[in-house]
Amino acid sequence: MDHQKAKNKRRVRRAFRVRKRLQGTPQRPRLSVRRSLKHIYCQVIDDSSGNTLASASTAEKDFEGKSGGNCDAAKTVGELIAERVKAAGVAAVCLDRGPCKYHGRVAALTDAVREAGIKV
């Protein structure tokens, strides 16, 4: 059990290390990405007001029956969040990858957001 506590503590420290450099503003909100084994979730957050401007995930009803734990699903979520961010009137976001490396599903989601015309 001690091993799991230490592992979680390291994960939290990595997340704080990334987030201390980021601050979501109304002009450039924070794109927060979280992944689990089955799903990937993302939110666009304005930290100055504490509001979530848009969110998307593979846990939504649109993804029912499809796998949410692969790069194809992450690309789809990236395209979906980009549409919702554009509708909210935002042209640029800053990436908050949390404790995850910029690799695999996180990179696929971010690349899809960039291809949709949002500056990351």
Protein backbone atom coordinates (compact mmCIF):
# COMPACT_ATOMS: atom_id res chain seq x y z
CA MET A 1 0.00 0.00 0.00
CA ASP A 2 2.87 2.39 0.70
CA HIS A 3 4.08 1.99 -2.86
CA GLN A 4 0.72 3.16 -4.22
CA LYS A 5 0.69 6.21 -1.91
CA ALA A 6 4.19 7.18 -3.04
CA LYS A 7 3.24 6.73 -6.68
CA ASN A 8 0.16 8.94 -6.28
CA LYS A 9 2.22 11.58 -4.45
CA ARG A 10 4.69 11.73 -7.35
CA ARG A 11 1.78 12.03 -9.80
CA VAL A 12 0.29 14.98 -7.88
CA ARG A 13 3.68 16.71 -7.72
CA ARG A 14 4.12 16.36 -11.50
CA ALA A 15 0.68 17.90 -12.05
CA PHE A 16 1.47 20.87 -9.80
CA ARG A 17 4.82 21.35 -11.54
CA VAL A 18 3.01 21.74 -14.86
CA ARG A 19 0.14 23.87 -13.49
CA LYS A 20 2.26 26.40 -11.61
CA ARG A 21 3.38 27.81 -14.97
CA LEU A 22 -0.13 28.01 -16.44
CA GLN A 23 -2.90 30.49 -15.83
CA GLY A 24 -6.05 30.41 -17.90
CA THR A 25 -7.18 33.91 -18.92
CA PRO A 26 -10.32 34.98 -20.80
CA GLN A 27 -8.19 35.52 -23.94
CA ARG A 28 -6.24 32.26 -23.59
CA PRO A 29 -7.99 29.76 -21.30
CA ARG A 30 -6.44 26.52 -20.05
CA LEU A 31 -7.10 23.25 -21.91
CA SER A 32 -7.00 20.66 -19.14
CA VAL A 33 -6.57 17.04 -20.28
CA ARG A 34 -7.18 14.01 -18.07
CA ARG A 35 -6.94 10.42 -19.17
CA SER A 36 -7.92 7.14 -17.61
CA LEU A 37 -7.57 3.64 -18.98
CA LYS A 38 -11.03 3.71 -20.58
CA HIS A 39 -11.63 7.40 -21.37
CA ILE A 40 -10.07 10.78 -22.08
CA TYR A 41 -11.58 14.01 -20.77
CA CYS A 42 -10.81 17.65 -21.54
CA GLN A 43 -12.06 21.01 -20.34
CA VAL A 44 -11.36 24.58 -21.36
CA ILE A 45 -11.18 26.66 -18.16
CA ASP A 46 -10.95 30.40 -17.53
CA ASP A 47 -9.08 30.50 -14.21
CA SER A 48 -9.66 34.21 -13.57
CA SER A 49 -13.43 33.68 -13.27
CA GLY A 50 -13.35 29.96 -12.44
CA ASN A 51 -15.67 29.04 -15.33
CA THR A 52 -15.52 26.03 -17.60
CA LEU A 53 -16.12 27.33 -21.13
CA ALA A 54 -16.33 23.95 -22.88
CA SER A 55 -15.80 20.28 -22.18
CA ALA A 56 -15.70 17.01 -24.10
CA SER A 57 -14.93 13.39 -23.32
CA THR A 58 -15.30 9.85 -24.57
CA ALA A 59 -17.76 9.21 -21.72
CA GLU A 60 -20.46 11.21 -23.56
CA LYS A 61 -23.44 9.49 -25.18
CA ASP A 62 -22.01 10.07 -28.69
CA PHE A 63 -19.20 7.60 -27.91
CA GLU A 64 -21.39 4.81 -26.52
CA GLY A 65 -20.22 1.43 -27.78
CA LYS A 66 -16.88 2.76 -29.04
CA SER A 67 -13.52 2.43 -27.34
CA GLY A 68 -12.47 5.61 -25.56
CA GLY A 69 -8.96 4.51 -24.62
CA ASN A 70 -7.14 4.88 -27.92
CA CYS A 71 -5.63 7.62 -30.11
CA ASP A 72 -8.53 7.61 -32.58
CA ALA A 73 -10.97 8.45 -29.80
CA ALA A 74 -8.61 11.17 -28.54
CA LYS A 75 -8.54 12.74 -32.02
CA THR A 76 -12.33 12.74 -32.12
CA VAL A 77 -12.51 14.41 -28.70
CA GLY A 78 -9.94 16.98 -29.87
CA GLU A 79 -12.07 17.88 -32.90
CA LEU A 80 -15.17 18.08 -30.70
CA ILE A 81 -13.57 20.36 -28.10
CA ALA A 82 -12.20 22.60 -30.88
CA GLU A 83 -15.74 23.07 -32.28
CA ARG A 84 -17.07 23.93 -28.83
CA VAL A 85 -14.21 26.33 -28.11
CA LYS A 86 -14.76 28.15 -31.39
CA ALA A 87 -18.45 28.46 -30.55
CA ALA A 88 -17.44 30.04 -27.23
CA GLY A 89 -15.38 32.61 -29.15
CA VAL A 90 -11.89 31.48 -28.14
CA ALA A 91 -9.02 31.33 -30.67
CA ALA A 92 -6.11 30.18 -28.45
CA VAL A 93 -5.64 27.94 -25.41
CA CYS A 94 -2.73 26.84 -23.22
CA LEU A 95 -2.28 23.11 -22.70
CA ASP A 96 -2.46 21.67 -19.18
CA ARG A 97 -1.38 18.05 -19.60
CA GLY A 98 -1.36 17.41 -15.84
CA PRO A 99 0.93 14.56 -14.79
CA CYS A 100 0.84 12.92 -18.25
CA LYS A 101 3.60 13.11 -20.83
CA TYR A 102 2.93 14.86 -24.12
CA HIS A 103 2.73 11.52 -25.88
CA GLY A 104 0.14 9.12 -27.26
CA ARG A 105 -3.46 10.08 -26.54
CA VAL A 106 -2.61 13.49 -25.07
CA ALA A 107 -0.57 14.39 -28.16
CA ALA A 108 -3.29 13.06 -30.50
CA LEU A 109 -5.94 15.19 -28.80
CA THR A 110 -3.75 18.31 -28.89
CA ASP A 111 -2.80 17.79 -32.54
CA ALA A 112 -6.50 17.46 -33.47
CA VAL A 113 -7.24 20.74 -31.69
CA ARG A 114 -4.41 22.44 -33.61
CA GLU A 115 -5.60 21.03 -36.95
CA ALA A 116 -9.08 22.40 -36.24
CA GLY A 117 -7.63 25.92 -36.08
CA ILE A 118 -7.17 26.58 -32.36
CA LYS A 119 -3.74 27.87 -31.35
CA VAL A 120 -2.25 25.67 -28.60
